[in-house]
Amino acid sequence: MPDDTRHEILIGLHVSNDDRYDQYRAGMTPILTEHGGFFRYDFRVNEQLKGDEDPSINRVFILSFPDEETKTRFFENETYKAVRSDHFDSSVELVSSIATFNHAHA
């Protein structure tokens, strides 16, 4: 039976500009897909009950990759970096890397 384990990261953000963040997501999603990645979960959060972050997290998601090396190649991709520079940096005030793990998919 093939190994269906994927490398995943749980991220929390404080998005301060939804329009620019939507532009970031539209630009980065095809690059993510090219790397075999996808959003396994994606949430808008309207209340943070506990956490050290200020401002509080208002978006939480899990990015799923085939393996850790692919995740690294994605974040080092020059096209991704350009999209991030154009849209992400001006729309997100806080990035919190909550967890990195391997997840076996059924």
PDB file of N, CA and C in Angstrom:
ATOM      1  N   MET A   1       0.846  -1.170   0.000  1.00  0.00           N
ATOM      2  CA  MET A   1       0.000   0.000   0.000  1.00  0.00           C
ATOM      3  C   MET A   1       0.900   1.245   0.000  1.00  0.00           C
ATOM      4  N   PRO A   2       0.604   2.265  -0.841  1.00  0.00           N
ATOM      5  CA  PRO A   2       1.444   3.460  -0.896  1.00  0.00           C
ATOM      6  C   PRO A   2       1.344   4.282   0.384  1.00  0.00           C
ATOM      7  N   ASP A   3       2.406   5.009   0.670  1.00  0.00           N
ATOM      8  CA  ASP A   3       2.442   5.890   1.833  1.00  0.00           C
ATOM      9  C   ASP A   3       1.664   7.164   1.497  1.00  0.00           C
ATOM     10  N   ASP A   4       0.566   7.421   2.190  1.00  0.00           N
ATOM     11  CA  ASP A   4      -0.242   8.612   1.956  1.00  0.00           C
ATOM     12  C   ASP A   4      -0.013   9.667   3.024  1.00  0.00           C
ATOM     13  N   THR A   5       1.155   9.640   3.650  1.00  0.00           N
ATOM     14  CA  THR A   5       1.488  10.629   4.668  1.00  0.00           C
ATOM     15  C   THR A   5       1.904  11.929   3.998  1.00  0.00           C
ATOM     16  N   ARG A   6       1.367  13.032   4.496  1.00  0.00           N
ATOM     17  CA  ARG A   6       1.692  14.348   3.952  1.00  0.00           C
ATOM     18  C   ARG A   6       2.296  15.213   5.054  1.00  0.00           C
ATOM     19  N   HIS A   7       3.125  16.138   4.651  1.00  0.00           N
ATOM     20  CA  HIS A   7       3.736  17.096   5.565  1.00  0.00           C
ATOM     21  C   HIS A   7       2.823  18.315   5.628  1.00  0.00           C
ATOM     22  N   GLU A   8       2.426  18.705   6.845  1.00  0.00           N
ATOM     23  CA  GLU A   8       1.450  19.778   6.975  1.00  0.00           C
ATOM     24  C   GLU A   8       1.890  20.815   8.002  1.00  0.00           C
ATOM     25  N   ILE A   9       1.413  22.045   7.781  1.00  0.00           N
ATOM     26  CA  ILE A   9       1.704  23.121   8.723  1.00  0.00           C
ATOM     27  C   ILE A   9       0.395  23.816   9.086  1.00  0.00           C
ATOM     28  N   LEU A  10       0.264  24.098  10.369  1.00  0.00           N
ATOM     29  CA  LEU A  10      -0.891  24.816  10.907  1.00  0.00           C
ATOM     30  C   LEU A  10      -0.445  26.249  11.164  1.00  0.00           C
ATOM     31  N   ILE A  11      -1.113  27.192  10.503  1.00  0.00           N
ATOM     32  CA  ILE A  11      -0.719  28.596  10.554  1.00  0.00           C
ATOM     33  C   ILE A  11      -1.882  29.445  11.052  1.00  0.00           C
ATOM     34  N   GLY A  12      -1.571  30.430  11.875  1.00  0.00           N
ATOM     35  CA  GLY A  12      -2.533  31.445  12.276  1.00  0.00           C
ATOM     36  C   GLY A  12      -2.056  32.798  11.775  1.00  0.00           C
ATOM     37  N   LEU A  13      -2.973  33.609  11.299  1.00  0.00           N
ATOM     38  CA  LEU A  13      -2.645  34.943  10.797  1.00  0.00           C
ATOM     39  C   LEU A  13      -3.562  35.979  11.431  1.00  0.00           C
ATOM     40  N   HIS A  14      -3.086  37.213  11.438  1.00  0.00           N
ATOM     41  CA  HIS A  14      -3.991  38.342  11.621  1.00  0.00           C
ATOM     42  C   HIS A  14      -3.981  39.094  10.293  1.00  0.00           C
ATOM     43  N   VAL A  15      -5.066  38.926   9.536  1.00  0.00           N
ATOM     44  CA  VAL A  15      -5.221  39.596   8.247  1.00  0.00           C
ATOM     45  C   VAL A  15      -5.851  40.958   8.510  1.00  0.00           C
ATOM     46  N   SER A  16      -5.181  42.018   8.064  1.00  0.00           N
ATOM     47  CA  SER A  16      -5.669  43.375   8.293  1.00  0.00           C
ATOM     48  C   SER A  16      -6.295  43.995   7.046  1.00  0.00           C
ATOM     49  N   ASN A  17      -6.072  43.369   5.871  1.00  0.00           N
ATOM     50  CA  ASN A  17      -6.649  43.874   4.629  1.00  0.00           C
ATOM     51  C   ASN A  17      -7.143  42.683   3.810  1.00  0.00           C
ATOM     52  N   ASP A  18      -8.430  42.400   3.910  1.00  0.00           N
ATOM     53  CA  ASP A  18      -8.992  41.217   3.251  1.00  0.00           C
ATOM     54  C   ASP A  18      -8.857  41.266   1.736  1.00  0.00           C
ATOM     55  N   ASP A  19      -9.035  42.432   1.132  1.00  0.00           N
ATOM     56  CA  ASP A  19      -8.940  42.527  -0.328  1.00  0.00           C
ATOM     57  C   ASP A  19      -7.541  42.168  -0.823  1.00  0.00           C
ATOM     58  N   ARG A  20      -6.527  42.720  -0.198  1.00  0.00           N
ATOM     59  CA  ARG A  20      -5.138  42.413  -0.609  1.00  0.00           C
ATOM     60  C   ARG A  20      -4.802  40.957  -0.293  1.00  0.00           C
ATOM     61  N   TYR A  21      -5.304  40.454   0.830  1.00  0.00           N
ATOM     62  CA  TYR A  21      -5.050  39.053   1.167  1.00  0.00           C
ATOM     63  C   TYR A  21      -5.722  38.135   0.145  1.00  0.00           C
ATOM     64  N   ASP A  22      -6.919  38.484  -0.308  1.00  0.00           N
ATOM     65  CA  ASP A  22      -7.584  37.696  -1.347  1.00  0.00           C
ATOM     66  C   ASP A  22      -6.761  37.700  -2.632  1.00  0.00           C
ATOM     67  N   GLN A  23      -6.131  38.822  -2.964  1.00  0.00           N
ATOM     68  CA  GLN A  23      -5.255  38.885  -4.137  1.00  0.00           C
ATOM     69  C   GLN A  23      -4.050  37.971  -3.951  1.00  0.00           C
ATOM     70  N   TYR A  24      -3.501  37.960  -2.751  1.00  0.00           N
ATOM     71  CA  TYR A  24      -2.388  37.047  -2.439  1.00  0.00           C
ATOM     72  C   TYR A  24      -2.814  35.602  -2.651  1.00  0.00           C
ATOM     73  N   ARG A  25      -3.959  35.229  -2.083  1.00  0.00           N
ATOM     74  CA  ARG A  25      -4.432  33.844  -2.201  1.00  0.00           C
ATOM     75  C   ARG A  25      -4.677  33.466  -3.653  1.00  0.00           C
ATOM     76  N   ALA A  26      -5.245  34.386  -4.436  1.00  0.00           N
ATOM     77  CA  ALA A  26      -5.497  34.109  -5.852  1.00  0.00           C
ATOM     78  C   ALA A  26      -4.187  33.906  -6.611  1.00  0.00           C
ATOM     79  N   GLY A  27      -3.157  34.644  -6.242  1.00  0.00           N
ATOM     80  CA  GLY A  27      -1.867  34.521  -6.916  1.00  0.00           C
ATOM     81  C   GLY A  27      -1.049  33.323  -6.468  1.00  0.00           C
ATOM     82  N   MET A  28      -1.148  32.963  -5.194  1.00  0.00           N
ATOM     83  CA  MET A  28      -0.302  31.887  -4.688  1.00  0.00           C
ATOM     84  C   MET A  28      -0.901  30.503  -4.862  1.00  0.00           C
ATOM     85  N   THR A  29      -2.219  30.406  -4.967  1.00  0.00           N
ATOM     86  CA  THR A  29      -2.857  29.092  -5.032  1.00  0.00           C
ATOM     87  C   THR A  29      -2.411  28.266  -6.240  1.00  0.00           C
ATOM     88  N   PRO A  30      -2.301  28.832  -7.441  1.00  0.00           N
ATOM     89  CA  PRO A  30      -1.798  28.016  -8.552  1.00  0.00           C
ATOM     90  C   PRO A  30      -0.359  27.528  -8.338  1.00  0.00           C
ATOM     91  N   ILE A  31       0.455  28.327  -7.680  1.00  0.00           N
ATOM     92  CA  ILE A  31       1.838  27.924  -7.387  1.00  0.00           C
ATOM     93  C   ILE A  31       1.828  26.794  -6.367  1.00  0.00           C
ATOM     94  N   LEU A  32       0.979  26.917  -5.363  1.00  0.00           N
ATOM     95  CA  LEU A  32       0.819  25.869  -4.356  1.00  0.00           C
ATOM     96  C   LEU A  32       0.396  24.561  -5.022  1.00  0.00           C
ATOM     97  N   THR A  33      -0.570  24.641  -5.919  1.00  0.00           N
ATOM     98  CA  THR A  33      -1.068  23.455  -6.626  1.00  0.00           C
ATOM     99  C   THR A  33       0.034  22.814  -7.463  1.00  0.00           C
ATOM    100  N   GLU A  34       0.839  23.637  -8.140  1.00  0.00           N
ATOM    101  CA  GLU A  34       1.959  23.123  -8.940  1.00  0.00           C
ATOM    102  C   GLU A  34       2.947  22.328  -8.084  1.00  0.00           C
ATOM    103  N   HIS A  35       3.033  22.664  -6.810  1.00  0.00           N
ATOM    104  CA  HIS A  35       3.928  21.972  -5.891  1.00  0.00           C
ATOM    105  C   HIS A  35       3.240  20.810  -5.176  1.00  0.00           C
ATOM    106  N   GLY A  36       2.053  20.458  -5.610  1.00  0.00           N
ATOM    107  CA  GLY A  36       1.334  19.347  -4.989  1.00  0.00           C
ATOM    108  C   GLY A  36       0.727  19.696  -3.646  1.00  0.00           C
ATOM    109  N   GLY A  37       0.598  20.989  -3.373  1.00  0.00           N
ATOM    110  CA  GLY A  37       0.052  21.427  -2.094  1.00  0.00           C
ATOM    111  C   GLY A  37      -1.388  21.878  -2.218  1.00  0.00           C
ATOM    112  N   PHE A  38      -2.025  21.998  -1.057  1.00  0.00           N
ATOM    113  CA  PHE A  38      -3.402  22.492  -1.001  1.00  0.00           C
ATOM    114  C   PHE A  38      -3.730  22.908   0.423  1.00  0.00           C
ATOM    115  N   PHE A  39      -4.835  23.677   0.557  1.00  0.00           N
ATOM    116  CA  PHE A  39      -5.351  24.036   1.872  1.00  0.00           C
ATOM    117  C   PHE A  39      -6.259  22.896   2.327  1.00  0.00           C
ATOM    118  N   ARG A  40      -5.846  22.195   3.386  1.00  0.00           N
ATOM    119  CA  ARG A  40      -6.684  21.107   3.891  1.00  0.00           C
ATOM    120  C   ARG A  40      -7.849  21.665   4.709  1.00  0.00           C
ATOM    121  N   TYR A  41      -7.578  22.687   5.507  1.00  0.00           N
ATOM    122  CA  TYR A  41      -8.605  23.418   6.242  1.00  0.00           C
ATOM    123  C   TYR A  41      -8.293  24.902   6.123  1.00  0.00           C
ATOM    124  N   ASP A  42      -9.328  25.725   6.220  1.00  0.00           N
ATOM    125  CA  ASP A  42      -9.157  27.177   6.130  1.00  0.00           C
ATOM    126  C   ASP A  42     -10.321  27.819   6.882  1.00  0.00           C
ATOM    127  N   PHE A  43     -10.009  28.600   7.923  1.00  0.00           N
ATOM    128  CA  PHE A  43     -11.045  29.187   8.776  1.00  0.00           C
ATOM    129  C   PHE A  43     -10.849  30.685   8.941  1.00  0.00           C
ATOM    130  N   ARG A  44     -11.951  31.412   9.001  1.00  0.00           N
ATOM    131  CA  ARG A  44     -11.961  32.778   9.516  1.00  0.00           C
ATOM    132  C   ARG A  44     -12.351  32.653  10.990  1.00  0.00           C
ATOM    133  N   VAL A  45     -11.612  33.318  11.849  1.00  0.00           N
ATOM    134  CA  VAL A  45     -11.832  33.219  13.289  1.00  0.00           C
ATOM    135  C   VAL A  45     -12.281  34.587  13.794  1.00  0.00           C
ATOM    136  N   ASN A  46     -13.380  34.622  14.528  1.00  0.00           N
ATOM    137  CA  ASN A  46     -13.847  35.923  15.000  1.00  0.00           C
ATOM    138  C   ASN A  46     -13.592  36.164  16.489  1.00  0.00           C
ATOM    139  N   GLU A  47     -13.049  35.165  17.187  1.00  0.00           N
ATOM    140  CA  GLU A  47     -12.707  35.361  18.595  1.00  0.00           C
ATOM    141  C   GLU A  47     -11.587  34.415  18.979  1.00  0.00           C
ATOM    142  N   GLN A  48     -10.506  34.970  19.520  1.00  0.00           N
ATOM    143  CA  GLN A  48      -9.406  34.164  20.027  1.00  0.00           C
ATOM    144  C   GLN A  48      -9.523  34.124  21.538  1.00  0.00           C
ATOM    145  N   LEU A  49      -9.721  32.941  22.104  1.00  0.00           N
ATOM    146  CA  LEU A  49      -9.926  32.813  23.543  1.00  0.00           C
ATOM    147  C   LEU A  49      -8.622  32.789  24.325  1.00  0.00           C
ATOM    148  N   LYS A  50      -7.563  32.276  23.698  1.00  0.00           N
ATOM    149  CA  LYS A  50      -6.282  32.198  24.380  1.00  0.00           C
ATOM    150  C   LYS A  50      -5.181  32.281  23.341  1.00  0.00           C
ATOM    151  N   GLY A  51      -4.087  32.923  23.695  1.00  0.00           N
ATOM    152  CA  GLY A  51      -2.947  33.012  22.800  1.00  0.00           C
ATOM    153  C   GLY A  51      -2.046  34.163  23.189  1.00  0.00           C
ATOM    154  N   ASP A  52      -0.814  34.059  22.781  1.00  0.00           N
ATOM    155  CA  ASP A  52       0.173  35.078  23.106  1.00  0.00           C
ATOM    156  C   ASP A  52       0.234  36.187  22.061  1.00  0.00           C
ATOM    157  N   GLU A  53      -0.487  36.026  20.959  1.00  0.00           N
ATOM    158  CA  GLU A  53      -0.370  36.930  19.837  1.00  0.00           C
ATOM    159  C   GLU A  53      -1.116  38.240  20.074  1.00  0.00           C
ATOM    160  N   ASP A  54      -0.525  39.313  19.588  1.00  0.00           N
ATOM    161  CA  ASP A  54      -1.187  40.609  19.571  1.00  0.00           C
ATOM    162  C   ASP A  54      -0.775  41.292  18.281  1.00  0.00           C
ATOM    163  N   PRO A  55      -1.651  41.551  17.347  1.00  0.00           N
ATOM    164  CA  PRO A  55      -3.089  41.376  17.435  1.00  0.00           C
ATOM    165  C   PRO A  55      -3.486  39.902  17.368  1.00  0.00           C
ATOM    166  N   SER A  56      -4.722  39.633  17.715  1.00  0.00           N
ATOM    167  CA  SER A  56      -5.177  38.242  17.768  1.00  0.00           C
ATOM    168  C   SER A  56      -5.310  37.645  16.363  1.00  0.00           C
ATOM    169  N   ILE A  57      -5.259  36.346  16.312  1.00  0.00           N
ATOM    170  CA  ILE A  57      -5.389  35.593  15.068  1.00  0.00           C
ATOM    171  C   ILE A  57      -6.834  35.669  14.577  1.00  0.00           C
ATOM    172  N   ASN A  58      -7.000  35.924  13.264  1.00  0.00           N
ATOM    173  CA  ASN A  58      -8.342  35.920  12.688  1.00  0.00           C
ATOM    174  C   ASN A  58      -8.469  34.989  11.479  1.00  0.00           C
ATOM    175  N   ARG A  59      -7.382  34.312  11.120  1.00  0.00           N
ATOM    176  CA  ARG A  59      -7.412  33.277  10.077  1.00  0.00           C
ATOM    177  C   ARG A  59      -6.553  32.117  10.552  1.00  0.00           C
ATOM    178  N   VAL A  60      -7.032  30.892  10.344  1.00  0.00           N
ATOM    179  CA  VAL A  60      -6.300  29.684  10.696  1.00  0.00           C
ATOM    180  C   VAL A  60      -6.459  28.704   9.541  1.00  0.00           C
ATOM    181  N   PHE A  61      -5.353  28.057   9.148  1.00  0.00           N
ATOM    182  CA  PHE A  61      -5.434  27.094   8.059  1.00  0.00           C
ATOM    183  C   PHE A  61      -4.331  26.060   8.172  1.00  0.00           C
ATOM    184  N   ILE A  62      -4.539  24.955   7.489  1.00  0.00           N
ATOM    185  CA  ILE A  62      -3.521  23.919   7.354  1.00  0.00           C
ATOM    186  C   ILE A  62      -3.140  23.836   5.889  1.00  0.00           C
ATOM    187  N   LEU A  63      -1.848  23.996   5.611  1.00  0.00           N
ATOM    188  CA  LEU A  63      -1.304  23.761   4.281  1.00  0.00           C
ATOM    189  C   LEU A  63      -0.741  22.345   4.247  1.00  0.00           C
ATOM    190  N   SER A  64      -1.075  21.608   3.210  1.00  0.00           N
ATOM    191  CA  SER A  64      -0.651  20.219   3.073  1.00  0.00           C
ATOM    192  C   SER A  64       0.275  20.084   1.865  1.00  0.00           C
ATOM    193  N   PHE A  65       1.414  19.421   2.067  1.00  0.00           N
ATOM    194  CA  PHE A  65       2.403  19.187   1.018  1.00  0.00           C
ATOM    195  C   PHE A  65       2.740  17.695   0.959  1.00  0.00           C
ATOM    196  N   PRO A  66       3.226  17.225  -0.187  1.00  0.00           N
ATOM    197  CA  PRO A  66       3.620  15.819  -0.279  1.00  0.00           C
ATOM    198  C   PRO A  66       4.715  15.440   0.721  1.00  0.00           C
ATOM    199  N   ASP A  67       5.637  16.380   1.001  1.00  0.00           N
ATOM    200  CA  ASP A  67       6.734  16.119   1.934  1.00  0.00           C
ATOM    201  C   ASP A  67       7.368  17.454   2.330  1.00  0.00           C
ATOM    202  N   GLU A  68       8.277  17.406   3.278  1.00  0.00           N
ATOM    203  CA  GLU A  68       8.897  18.630   3.788  1.00  0.00           C
ATOM    204  C   GLU A  68       9.745  19.329   2.727  1.00  0.00           C
ATOM    205  N   GLU A  69      10.422  18.563   1.893  1.00  0.00           N
ATOM    206  CA  GLU A  69      11.262  19.148   0.846  1.00  0.00           C
ATOM    207  C   GLU A  69      10.421  19.957  -0.142  1.00  0.00           C
ATOM    208  N   THR A  70       9.248  19.448  -0.487  1.00  0.00           N
ATOM    209  CA  THR A  70       8.353  20.161  -1.403  1.00  0.00           C
ATOM    210  C   THR A  70       7.870  21.449  -0.763  1.00  0.00           C
ATOM    211  N   LYS A  71       7.559  21.412   0.528  1.00  0.00           N
ATOM    212  CA  LYS A  71       7.153  22.628   1.248  1.00  0.00           C
ATOM    213  C   LYS A  71       8.261  23.677   1.153  1.00  0.00           C
ATOM    214  N   THR A  72       9.488  23.267   1.380  1.00  0.00           N
ATOM    215  CA  THR A  72      10.622  24.186   1.317  1.00  0.00           C
ATOM    216  C   THR A  72      10.768  24.770  -0.080  1.00  0.00           C
ATOM    217  N   ARG A  73      10.653  23.930  -1.116  1.00  0.00           N
ATOM    218  CA  ARG A  73      10.754  24.422  -2.500  1.00  0.00           C
ATOM    219  C   ARG A  73       9.648  25.431  -2.804  1.00  0.00           C
ATOM    220  N   PHE A  74       8.445  25.185  -2.311  1.00  0.00           N
ATOM    221  CA  PHE A  74       7.339  26.122  -2.523  1.00  0.00           C
ATOM    222  C   PHE A  74       7.674  27.488  -1.945  1.00  0.00           C
ATOM    223  N   PHE A  75       8.069  27.545  -0.680  1.00  0.00           N
ATOM    224  CA  PHE A  75       8.330  28.826  -0.034  1.00  0.00           C
ATOM    225  C   PHE A  75       9.570  29.522  -0.581  1.00  0.00           C
ATOM    226  N   GLU A  76      10.468  28.780  -1.236  1.00  0.00           N
ATOM    227  CA  GLU A  76      11.661  29.366  -1.848  1.00  0.00           C
ATOM    228  C   GLU A  76      11.453  29.717  -3.322  1.00  0.00           C
ATOM    229  N   ASN A  77      10.309  29.368  -3.886  1.00  0.00           N
ATOM    230  CA  ASN A  77       9.996  29.632  -5.289  1.00  0.00           C
ATOM    231  C   ASN A  77       9.954  31.146  -5.541  1.00  0.00           C
ATOM    232  N   GLU A  78      10.669  31.603  -6.568  1.00  0.00           N
ATOM    233  CA  GLU A  78      10.763  33.041  -6.837  1.00  0.00           C
ATOM    234  C   GLU A  78       9.420  33.654  -7.214  1.00  0.00           C
ATOM    235  N   THR A  79       8.593  32.939  -7.951  1.00  0.00           N
ATOM    236  CA  THR A  79       7.273  33.458  -8.308  1.00  0.00           C
ATOM    237  C   THR A  79       6.412  33.617  -7.056  1.00  0.00           C
ATOM    238  N   TYR A  80       6.474  32.618  -6.164  1.00  0.00           N
ATOM    239  CA  TYR A  80       5.737  32.721  -4.902  1.00  0.00           C
ATOM    240  C   TYR A  80       6.229  33.933  -4.102  1.00  0.00           C
ATOM    241  N   LYS A  81       7.538  34.101  -4.017  1.00  0.00           N
ATOM    242  CA  LYS A  81       8.092  35.222  -3.246  1.00  0.00           C
ATOM    243  C   LYS A  81       7.618  36.563  -3.793  1.00  0.00           C
ATOM    244  N   ALA A  82       7.488  36.672  -5.113  1.00  0.00           N
ATOM    245  CA  ALA A  82       7.010  37.922  -5.719  1.00  0.00           C
ATOM    246  C   ALA A  82       5.552  38.178  -5.350  1.00  0.00           C
ATOM    247  N   VAL A  83       4.717  37.147  -5.418  1.00  0.00           N
ATOM    248  CA  VAL A  83       3.305  37.290  -5.040  1.00  0.00           C
ATOM    249  C   VAL A  83       3.201  37.676  -3.568  1.00  0.00           C
ATOM    250  N   ARG A  84       3.993  37.027  -2.748  1.00  0.00           N
ATOM    251  CA  ARG A  84       3.982  37.335  -1.314  1.00  0.00           C
ATOM    252  C   ARG A  84       4.380  38.784  -1.071  1.00  0.00           C
ATOM    253  N   SER A  85       5.424  39.231  -1.728  1.00  0.00           N
ATOM    254  CA  SER A  85       5.897  40.598  -1.561  1.00  0.00           C
ATOM    255  C   SER A  85       4.851  41.611  -2.022  1.00  0.00           C
ATOM    256  N   ASP A  86       4.172  41.318  -3.121  1.00  0.00           N
ATOM    257  CA  ASP A  86       3.180  42.238  -3.680  1.00  0.00           C
ATOM    258  C   ASP A  86       1.906  42.341  -2.843  1.00  0.00           C
ATOM    259  N   HIS A  87       1.486  41.244  -2.204  1.00  0.00           N
ATOM    260  CA  HIS A  87       0.166  41.237  -1.575  1.00  0.00           C
ATOM    261  C   HIS A  87       0.145  40.823  -0.103  1.00  0.00           C
ATOM    262  N   PHE A  88       0.918  39.821   0.265  1.00  0.00           N
ATOM    263  CA  PHE A  88       0.853  39.276   1.627  1.00  0.00           C
ATOM    264  C   PHE A  88       1.392  40.266   2.653  1.00  0.00           C
ATOM    265  N   ASP A  89       2.578  40.793   2.374  1.00  0.00           N
ATOM    266  CA  ASP A  89       3.249  41.624   3.368  1.00  0.00           C
ATOM    267  C   ASP A  89       2.446  42.874   3.735  1.00  0.00           C
ATOM    268  N   SER A  90       1.628  43.366   2.822  1.00  0.00           N
ATOM    269  CA  SER A  90       0.827  44.559   3.098  1.00  0.00           C
ATOM    270  C   SER A  90      -0.576  44.231   3.608  1.00  0.00           C
ATOM    271  N   SER A  91      -0.888  42.951   3.742  1.00  0.00           N
ATOM    272  CA  SER A  91      -2.241  42.579   4.184  1.00  0.00           C
ATOM    273  C   SER A  91      -2.262  41.774   5.480  1.00  0.00           C
ATOM    274  N   VAL A  92      -1.105  41.343   5.946  1.00  0.00           N
ATOM    275  CA  VAL A  92      -1.037  40.485   7.134  1.00  0.00           C
ATOM    276  C   VAL A  92      -0.134  41.136   8.175  1.00  0.00           C
ATOM    277  N   GLU A  93      -0.672  41.314   9.387  1.00  0.00           N
ATOM    278  CA  GLU A  93       0.088  41.921  10.485  1.00  0.00           C
ATOM    279  C   GLU A  93       0.825  40.897  11.339  1.00  0.00           C
ATOM    280  N   LEU A  94       0.328  39.670  11.365  1.00  0.00           N
ATOM    281  CA  LEU A  94       0.902  38.656  12.252  1.00  0.00           C
ATOM    282  C   LEU A  94       0.861  37.302  11.569  1.00  0.00           C
ATOM    283  N   VAL A  95       1.968  36.558  11.666  1.00  0.00           N
ATOM    284  CA  VAL A  95       2.022  35.175  11.206  1.00  0.00           C
ATOM    285  C   VAL A  95       2.477  34.339  12.393  1.00  0.00           C
ATOM    286  N   SER A  96       1.693  33.330  12.739  1.00  0.00           N
ATOM    287  CA  SER A  96       2.045  32.439  13.830  1.00  0.00           C
ATOM    288  C   SER A  96       2.087  31.007  13.309  1.00  0.00           C
ATOM    289  N   SER A  97       3.280  30.428  13.281  1.00  0.00           N
ATOM    290  CA  SER A  97       3.423  29.026  12.889  1.00  0.00           C
ATOM    291  C   SER A  97       3.116  28.186  14.119  1.00  0.00           C
ATOM    292  N   ILE A  98       1.924  27.615  14.142  1.00  0.00           N
ATOM    293  CA  ILE A  98       1.435  26.923  15.332  1.00  0.00           C
ATOM    294  C   ILE A  98       2.001  25.522  15.441  1.00  0.00           C
ATOM    295  N   ALA A  99       2.051  24.776  14.316  1.00  0.00           N
ATOM    296  CA  ALA A  99       2.540  23.396  14.368  1.00  0.00           C
ATOM    297  C   ALA A  99       2.940  22.932  12.981  1.00  0.00           C
ATOM    298  N   THR A 100       3.885  22.011  12.960  1.00  0.00           N
ATOM    299  CA  THR A 100       4.299  21.293  11.762  1.00  0.00           C
ATOM    300  C   THR A 100       4.208  19.817  12.105  1.00  0.00           C
ATOM    301  N   PHE A 101       3.613  19.037  11.200  1.00  0.00           N
ATOM    302  CA  PHE A 101       3.420  17.624  11.512  1.00  0.00           C
ATOM    303  C   PHE A 101       3.249  16.828  10.231  1.00  0.00           C
ATOM    304  N   ASN A 102       3.377  15.516  10.354  1.00  0.00           N
ATOM    305  CA  ASN A 102       3.065  14.599   9.270  1.00  0.00           C
ATOM    306  C   ASN A 102       1.725  13.972   9.563  1.00  0.00           C
ATOM    307  N   HIS A 103       0.891  13.901   8.524  1.00  0.00           N
ATOM    308  CA  HIS A 103      -0.484  13.431   8.702  1.00  0.00           C
ATOM    309  C   HIS A 103      -0.758  12.323   7.683  1.00  0.00           C
ATOM    310  N   ALA A 104      -1.181  11.177   8.156  1.00  0.00           N
ATOM    311  CA  ALA A 104      -1.535  10.072   7.276  1.00  0.00           C
ATOM    312  C   ALA A 104      -2.976  10.250   6.814  1.00  0.00           C
ATOM    313  N   HIS A 105      -3.175  10.363   5.510  1.00  0.00           N
ATOM    314  CA  HIS A 105      -4.517  10.520   4.938  1.00  0.00           C
ATOM    315  C   HIS A 105      -5.078   9.153   4.585  1.00  0.00           C
ATOM    316  N   ALA A 106      -6.334   8.983   4.828  1.00  0.00           N
ATOM    317  CA  ALA A 106      -7.003   7.716   4.510  1.00  0.00           C
ATOM    318  C   ALA A 106      -7.311   7.607   3.041  1.00  0.00           C
TER     319      ALA A 106
END
